[in-house]
Amino acid sequence: MSAENHLQPAALAIPKEGYFERVDGPYGPAFPKTPANYGFSLLAKIIPGREDVIRAHGKTIEAAIRDNPTLLAPLKLHFLRWLLFPIGDDTYFMYQGIFDTDFDKYTEDAVELFKLSGVDTVFENLQDFPPDWKTNPAAFVRYAREHQIPSFLEYGEYPYVSGDEIKKALRLKASLSDALDQLQ
C-alpha cells in the first residue's frame, strides 16, 4: 500500500466467521489485517469476587509501564482497553487490543513477555482460564480464541499504518519543529 493510501480513511466489513478466506495459522484461522491493523476482543466471565483484583491489575500494568515504558513493546500494541460490566448477576471482562502482528504471534509473544517480566496476566482472574498458560501457549491461545468476539466492522483513520511508522512520523515532526524553532 502506498503512503498516499494511508492518508485516506478506510473501513472493512468482516464476515461473521472473522475472515474472508480461511487460512490456518498454528492455532486456527488467521484473521485478516484490517484498516485498524490486527486485533481481538475477548469477552469472559470473571471468577466471582475478583473485580477488585482485576482493577488492581490495571494499576500493576500502569506502574510497570511507568517503570519500563518499553515493557509491552514486543507486543506491537497500538491500543489496549479493558472493561468490566454486568450481564445478569455476573461480571464480565472485555479485553480489546489493536496491534501490528497476527493474532497467534501476539498471544505467543504475550505468554513469553509475561513469563520474562514476572507480571501475571489479568486473564488468570477469568473463569476456565488454563492454569498452565505459562508453559502451554497453545492453551492460552485456545482460551483467547474460544472467548473472542469477532468484530464485523473495523475503521482506520490512518489505515494499515504500523505503530513504528506512527512513531517515526512523530519523531520527524518533532525534528522539523526543533529545526524551525532554531531558525527563529
Protein backbone atom coordinates (compact mmCIF):
# COMPACT_ATOMS: atom_id res chain seq x y z
CA MET A 1 0.00 0.00 0.00
CA SER A 2 1.39 3.40 -0.95
CA ALA A 3 1.91 6.17 1.58
CA GLU A 4 -0.91 8.16 -0.03
CA ASN A 5 -3.39 5.37 0.74
CA HIS A 6 -2.52 5.65 4.44
CA LEU A 7 -3.91 9.20 4.34
CA GLN A 8 -7.33 8.05 3.11
CA PRO A 9 -9.62 6.65 5.85
CA ALA A 10 -10.82 3.10 5.21
CA ALA A 11 -13.43 0.74 6.60
CA LEU A 12 -13.76 -3.02 6.18
CA ALA A 13 -16.86 -5.11 6.84
CA ILE A 14 -15.77 -8.53 8.11
CA PRO A 15 -17.83 -11.72 7.62
CA LYS A 16 -19.31 -13.46 10.66
CA GLU A 17 -16.54 -16.09 10.56
CA GLY A 18 -13.93 -13.37 11.13
CA TYR A 19 -12.09 -13.94 7.84
CA PHE A 20 -12.75 -13.78 4.09
CA GLU A 21 -10.84 -16.89 3.11
CA ARG A 22 -9.88 -19.48 5.69
CA VAL A 23 -6.12 -19.69 6.01
CA ASP A 24 -4.97 -21.64 9.04
CA GLY A 25 -2.18 -20.47 11.28
CA PRO A 26 -0.61 -22.57 14.03
CA TYR A 27 -3.73 -22.41 16.24
CA GLY A 28 -6.64 -21.98 13.82
CA PRO A 29 -7.87 -19.49 11.25
CA ALA A 30 -5.62 -16.50 10.62
CA PHE A 31 -7.68 -13.35 10.90
CA PRO A 32 -7.10 -10.64 8.27
CA LYS A 33 -5.27 -7.39 8.72
CA THR A 34 -7.87 -4.62 8.67
CA PRO A 35 -7.63 -0.83 8.38
CA ALA A 36 -7.24 -0.87 12.20
CA ASN A 37 -4.42 -3.47 11.83
CA TYR A 38 -4.72 -6.73 13.76
CA GLY A 39 -6.61 -7.14 16.99
CA PHE A 40 -9.13 -9.02 19.01
CA SER A 41 -11.84 -8.58 21.58
CA LEU A 42 -12.18 -11.17 24.29
CA LEU A 43 -15.27 -11.48 26.50
CA ALA A 44 -15.26 -13.80 29.51
CA LYS A 45 -16.93 -14.17 32.88
CA ILE A 46 -14.70 -13.26 35.80
CA ILE A 47 -14.22 -15.53 38.78
CA PRO A 48 -16.73 -14.23 41.35
CA GLY A 49 -15.16 -11.80 43.80
CA ARG A 50 -12.24 -10.88 41.51
CA GLU A 51 -13.43 -7.46 40.26
CA ASP A 52 -11.16 -5.58 42.70
CA VAL A 53 -8.22 -7.86 41.80
CA ILE A 54 -8.75 -7.10 38.11
CA ARG A 55 -8.95 -3.34 38.77
CA ALA A 56 -5.77 -3.58 40.87
CA HIS A 57 -4.10 -5.40 37.98
CA GLY A 58 -4.75 -2.30 35.88
CA LYS A 59 -2.70 -0.33 38.42
CA THR A 60 0.02 -3.01 38.23
CA ILE A 61 0.28 -2.59 34.46
CA GLU A 62 0.22 1.20 34.80
CA ALA A 63 3.15 1.08 37.27
CA ALA A 64 5.06 -1.45 35.15
CA ILE A 65 4.77 0.84 32.10
CA ARG A 66 5.79 3.86 34.16
CA ASP A 67 8.89 1.97 35.36
CA ASN A 68 9.65 0.48 31.93
CA PRO A 69 7.87 2.29 29.07
CA THR A 70 9.02 -0.38 26.59
CA LEU A 71 7.69 -3.31 28.62
CA LEU A 72 4.89 -4.12 26.17
CA ALA A 73 6.88 -3.13 23.04
CA PRO A 74 7.30 -6.77 21.88
CA LEU A 75 3.51 -6.96 21.51
CA LYS A 76 3.46 -4.12 18.94
CA LEU A 77 0.33 -2.70 20.57
CA HIS A 78 -1.45 0.38 19.32
CA PHE A 79 -4.24 0.41 21.86
CA LEU A 80 -5.47 -1.70 24.73
CA ARG A 81 -8.80 -1.33 26.50
CA TRP A 82 -10.16 -3.32 29.45
CA LEU A 83 -13.80 -3.19 30.56
CA LEU A 84 -15.77 -4.77 33.39
CA PHE A 85 -19.54 -4.89 33.09
CA PRO A 86 -22.51 -6.83 34.44
CA ILE A 87 -24.53 -9.33 32.47
CA GLY A 88 -27.35 -10.55 34.67
CA ASP A 89 -25.86 -11.40 38.07
CA ASP A 90 -22.36 -12.00 36.67
CA THR A 91 -19.48 -9.66 35.91
CA TYR A 92 -17.67 -9.97 32.60
CA PHE A 93 -14.29 -8.74 31.46
CA MET A 94 -13.71 -7.44 27.95
CA TYR A 95 -10.23 -7.15 26.54
CA GLN A 96 -9.81 -5.16 23.35
CA GLY A 97 -6.42 -4.84 21.70
CA ILE A 98 -5.15 -3.49 18.39
CA PHE A 99 -1.62 -4.47 17.36
CA ASP A 100 0.72 -4.98 14.39
CA THR A 101 1.26 -8.75 14.46
CA ASP A 102 -1.15 -11.55 13.72
CA PHE A 103 -3.33 -12.99 16.49
CA ASP A 104 -1.30 -16.16 17.09
CA LYS A 105 2.04 -14.34 17.26
CA TYR A 106 0.57 -11.72 19.58
CA THR A 107 -0.68 -14.32 22.05
CA GLU A 108 2.57 -16.33 21.90
CA ASP A 109 4.55 -13.11 22.47
CA ALA A 110 2.26 -12.18 25.37
CA VAL A 111 2.93 -15.50 27.11
CA GLU A 112 6.70 -15.03 26.73
CA LEU A 113 6.56 -11.40 27.83
CA PHE A 114 4.63 -12.19 31.00
CA LYS A 115 6.92 -15.11 31.85
CA LEU A 116 10.03 -12.94 31.43
CA SER A 117 8.66 -9.84 33.16
CA GLY A 118 7.23 -11.63 36.18
CA VAL A 119 3.89 -9.87 35.66
CA ASP A 120 0.98 -12.29 35.55
CA THR A 121 -1.84 -11.93 33.06
CA VAL A 122 -5.15 -10.43 34.12
CA PHE A 123 -6.74 -13.43 32.40
CA GLU A 124 -5.90 -15.54 35.48
CA ASN A 125 -8.99 -13.93 37.04
CA LEU A 126 -11.31 -15.28 34.35
CA GLN A 127 -13.34 -18.45 34.62
CA ASP A 128 -11.81 -21.51 32.98
CA PHE A 129 -8.53 -19.78 32.11
CA PRO A 130 -5.86 -22.52 31.85
CA PRO A 131 -3.65 -22.63 34.95
CA ASP A 132 -0.73 -23.94 32.83
CA TRP A 133 -0.75 -20.92 30.47
CA LYS A 134 2.91 -20.08 31.16
CA THR A 135 4.11 -23.48 29.94
CA ASN A 136 1.34 -24.11 27.42
CA PRO A 137 0.96 -21.19 24.99
CA ALA A 138 -1.44 -23.29 22.90
CA ALA A 139 -3.88 -23.41 25.85
CA PHE A 140 -3.61 -19.63 26.23
CA VAL A 141 -4.32 -19.11 22.51
CA ARG A 142 -7.17 -21.64 22.59
CA TYR A 143 -8.79 -19.80 25.52
CA ALA A 144 -8.42 -16.45 23.75
CA ARG A 145 -9.93 -17.87 20.54
CA GLU A 146 -12.82 -19.51 22.41
CA HIS A 147 -13.69 -16.21 24.09
CA GLN A 148 -13.03 -13.91 21.16
CA ILE A 149 -15.93 -11.87 19.87
CA PRO A 150 -15.01 -11.03 16.27
CA SER A 151 -15.75 -7.53 15.07
CA PHE A 152 -17.82 -7.10 11.94
CA LEU A 153 -16.57 -3.63 11.01
CA GLU A 154 -13.20 -2.02 11.50
CA TYR A 155 -12.22 1.51 10.58
CA GLY A 156 -8.90 3.24 10.37
CA GLU A 157 -8.44 6.99 10.09
CA TYR A 158 -4.86 6.18 9.05
CA PRO A 159 -5.37 2.63 7.73
CA TYR A 160 -2.79 -0.14 7.82
CA VAL A 161 -0.16 2.07 9.48
CA SER A 162 2.09 0.33 11.99
CA GLY A 163 2.95 1.68 15.41
CA ASP A 164 6.58 2.01 14.30
CA GLU A 165 5.51 4.13 11.31
CA ILE A 166 3.48 6.40 13.59
CA LYS A 167 6.41 6.82 15.99
CA LYS A 168 8.74 7.57 13.05
CA ALA A 169 6.35 10.25 11.76
CA LEU A 170 6.10 11.81 15.24
CA ARG A 171 9.92 11.84 15.57
CA LEU A 172 10.18 13.51 12.15
CA LYS A 173 7.57 16.08 13.17
CA ALA A 174 9.49 16.82 16.39
CA SER A 175 12.77 17.17 14.46
CA LEU A 176 11.20 19.55 11.93
CA SER A 177 9.64 21.57 14.73
CA ASP A 178 13.02 21.81 16.50
CA ALA A 179 14.69 22.84 13.25
CA LEU A 180 12.09 25.54 12.62
CA ASP A 181 12.41 26.80 16.21
CA GLN A 182 16.17 27.18 15.71
CA LEU A 183 15.60 29.29 12.59
CA GLN A 184 13.66 31.89 14.57
